Amino acid sequence: MTQLDWQRASTDEDEGAGAYLEVAAGPDGQIYMRESNDPETVVVTTQAKWDAFLKGVKAGEFDDFAEEAGEDVAESAAEAVTEE
């Protein structure tokens, strides 16, 4: 998994401020997720489930969980993966 191109859900200003969600699209079509402070623990999901999650994020289904200040971490991660 070290060969994956991990995308971090943060801005340059956030560097060093704590743990971040990192997401990578694998060559096998799977989506890999991990926390930056625990890179050995990886969660794997399908592209279809990831797409459904992104659709929910964009529709605001998870806004109740987001903090009032700052950018939504899940949306930032989604943008990083979909830009590939």
C-alpha atoms as a PDB file:
ATOM      1  CA  MET A   1       0.000   0.000   0.000  1.00  0.00           C
ATOM      2  CA  THR A   2       2.988   2.315   0.095  1.00  0.00           C
ATOM      3  CA  GLN A   3       2.713   2.478  -3.707  1.00  0.00           C
ATOM      4  CA  LEU A   4      -0.671   4.187  -3.518  1.00  0.00           C
ATOM      5  CA  ASP A   5      -0.936   7.921  -4.155  1.00  0.00           C
ATOM      6  CA  TRP A   6      -2.447   9.023  -0.846  1.00  0.00           C
ATOM      7  CA  GLN A   7      -4.379  12.299  -0.904  1.00  0.00           C
ATOM      8  CA  ARG A   8      -4.705  14.191   2.364  1.00  0.00           C
ATOM      9  CA  ALA A   9      -7.902  16.016   3.257  1.00  0.00           C
ATOM     10  CA  SER A  10      -6.243  19.192   4.444  1.00  0.00           C
ATOM     11  CA  THR A  11      -4.867  22.463   3.203  1.00  0.00           C
ATOM     12  CA  ASP A  12      -1.220  23.491   3.389  1.00  0.00           C
ATOM     13  CA  GLU A  13      -2.090  25.739   6.345  1.00  0.00           C
ATOM     14  CA  ASP A  14      -3.337  22.693   8.283  1.00  0.00           C
ATOM     15  CA  GLU A  15      -0.052  20.764   8.101  1.00  0.00           C
ATOM     16  CA  GLY A  16       1.073  19.474  11.488  1.00  0.00           C
ATOM     17  CA  ALA A  17      -2.224  20.305  13.202  1.00  0.00           C
ATOM     18  CA  GLY A  18      -3.264  16.707  13.902  1.00  0.00           C
ATOM     19  CA  ALA A  19      -4.626  13.605  12.207  1.00  0.00           C
ATOM     20  CA  TYR A  20      -6.097  13.787   8.719  1.00  0.00           C
ATOM     21  CA  LEU A  21      -8.112  11.484   6.513  1.00  0.00           C
ATOM     22  CA  GLU A  22      -6.054  10.168   3.600  1.00  0.00           C
ATOM     23  CA  VAL A  23      -7.675   8.529   0.581  1.00  0.00           C
ATOM     24  CA  ALA A  24      -6.205   6.661  -2.385  1.00  0.00           C
ATOM     25  CA  ALA A  25      -7.696   5.026  -5.462  1.00  0.00           C
ATOM     26  CA  GLY A  26      -6.040   1.642  -5.953  1.00  0.00           C
ATOM     27  CA  PRO A  27      -5.117   0.029  -9.263  1.00  0.00           C
ATOM     28  CA  ASP A  28      -7.661  -2.685  -8.412  1.00  0.00           C
ATOM     29  CA  GLY A  29     -10.542  -0.182  -8.487  1.00  0.00           C
ATOM     30  CA  GLN A  30     -10.897  -0.161  -4.697  1.00  0.00           C
ATOM     31  CA  ILE A  31     -10.809   2.975  -2.532  1.00  0.00           C
ATOM     32  CA  TYR A  32      -8.385   2.957   0.412  1.00  0.00           C
ATOM     33  CA  MET A  33      -8.745   5.209   3.467  1.00  0.00           C
ATOM     34  CA  ARG A  34      -6.564   5.735   6.505  1.00  0.00           C
ATOM     35  CA  GLU A  35      -5.784   8.297   9.185  1.00  0.00           C
ATOM     36  CA  SER A  36      -2.449  10.057   8.867  1.00  0.00           C
ATOM     37  CA  ASN A  37      -1.547   9.275  12.488  1.00  0.00           C
ATOM     38  CA  ASP A  38      -2.228   5.526  11.990  1.00  0.00           C
ATOM     39  CA  PRO A  39      -1.151   4.693   8.413  1.00  0.00           C
ATOM     40  CA  GLU A  40      -0.998   0.940   9.061  1.00  0.00           C
ATOM     41  CA  THR A  41      -4.765   0.722   9.637  1.00  0.00           C
ATOM     42  CA  VAL A  42      -6.480   0.932   6.250  1.00  0.00           C
ATOM     43  CA  VAL A  43     -10.167   0.702   5.395  1.00  0.00           C
ATOM     44  CA  VAL A  44     -11.071  -0.524   1.900  1.00  0.00           C
ATOM     45  CA  THR A  45     -14.337   0.083   0.074  1.00  0.00           C
ATOM     46  CA  THR A  46     -15.682  -0.262  -3.434  1.00  0.00           C
ATOM     47  CA  GLN A  47     -15.848   2.541  -5.970  1.00  0.00           C
ATOM     48  CA  ALA A  48     -19.666   2.280  -5.965  1.00  0.00           C
ATOM     49  CA  LYS A  49     -19.889   2.768  -2.190  1.00  0.00           C
ATOM     50  CA  TRP A  50     -17.396   5.645  -2.341  1.00  0.00           C
ATOM     51  CA  ASP A  51     -19.431   7.305  -5.102  1.00  0.00           C
ATOM     52  CA  ALA A  52     -22.605   6.952  -2.995  1.00  0.00           C
ATOM     53  CA  PHE A  53     -20.790   8.507  -0.026  1.00  0.00           C
ATOM     54  CA  LEU A  54     -19.578  11.435  -2.152  1.00  0.00           C
ATOM     55  CA  LYS A  55     -23.086  11.979  -3.470  1.00  0.00           C
ATOM     56  CA  GLY A  56     -24.341  12.153   0.120  1.00  0.00           C
ATOM     57  CA  VAL A  57     -21.606  14.606   1.116  1.00  0.00           C
ATOM     58  CA  LYS A  58     -22.397  16.870  -1.818  1.00  0.00           C
ATOM     59  CA  ALA A  59     -26.141  16.678  -1.014  1.00  0.00           C
ATOM     60  CA  GLY A  60     -25.486  17.776   2.575  1.00  0.00           C
ATOM     61  CA  GLU A  61     -26.565  14.506   4.190  1.00  0.00           C
ATOM     62  CA  PHE A  62     -23.713  14.685   6.711  1.00  0.00           C
ATOM     63  CA  ASP A  63     -23.758  18.407   7.469  1.00  0.00           C
ATOM     64  CA  ASP A  64     -25.031  17.746  10.991  1.00  0.00           C
ATOM     65  CA  PHE A  65     -21.720  16.025  11.741  1.00  0.00           C
ATOM     66  CA  ALA A  66     -19.501  18.771  10.337  1.00  0.00           C
ATOM     67  CA  GLU A  67     -18.062  21.475  12.519  1.00  0.00           C
ATOM     68  CA  GLU A  68     -19.418  24.945  11.893  1.00  0.00           C
ATOM     69  CA  ALA A  69     -15.972  26.391  11.174  1.00  0.00           C
ATOM     70  CA  GLY A  70     -13.619  25.135   8.479  1.00  0.00           C
ATOM     71  CA  GLU A  71     -13.906  23.020   5.367  1.00  0.00           C
ATOM     72  CA  ASP A  72     -15.648  19.649   5.481  1.00  0.00           C
ATOM     73  CA  VAL A  73     -12.877  17.023   5.611  1.00  0.00           C
ATOM     74  CA  ALA A  74     -14.853  14.396   3.736  1.00  0.00           C
ATOM     75  CA  GLU A  75     -15.600  16.778   0.871  1.00  0.00           C
ATOM     76  CA  SER A  76     -11.924  17.753   0.663  1.00  0.00           C
ATOM     77  CA  ALA A  77     -10.912  14.098   0.457  1.00  0.00           C
ATOM     78  CA  ALA A  78     -13.550  13.457  -2.164  1.00  0.00           C
ATOM     79  CA  GLU A  79     -12.227  16.268  -4.313  1.00  0.00           C
ATOM     80  CA  ALA A  80      -8.682  14.923  -4.026  1.00  0.00           C
ATOM     81  CA  VAL A  81      -9.657  11.451  -5.246  1.00  0.00           C
ATOM     82  CA  THR A  82     -11.980  12.610  -8.024  1.00  0.00           C
ATOM     83  CA  GLU A  83      -9.272  14.880  -9.463  1.00  0.00           C
ATOM     84  CA  GLU A  84      -7.143  11.855 -10.419  1.00  0.00           C
END
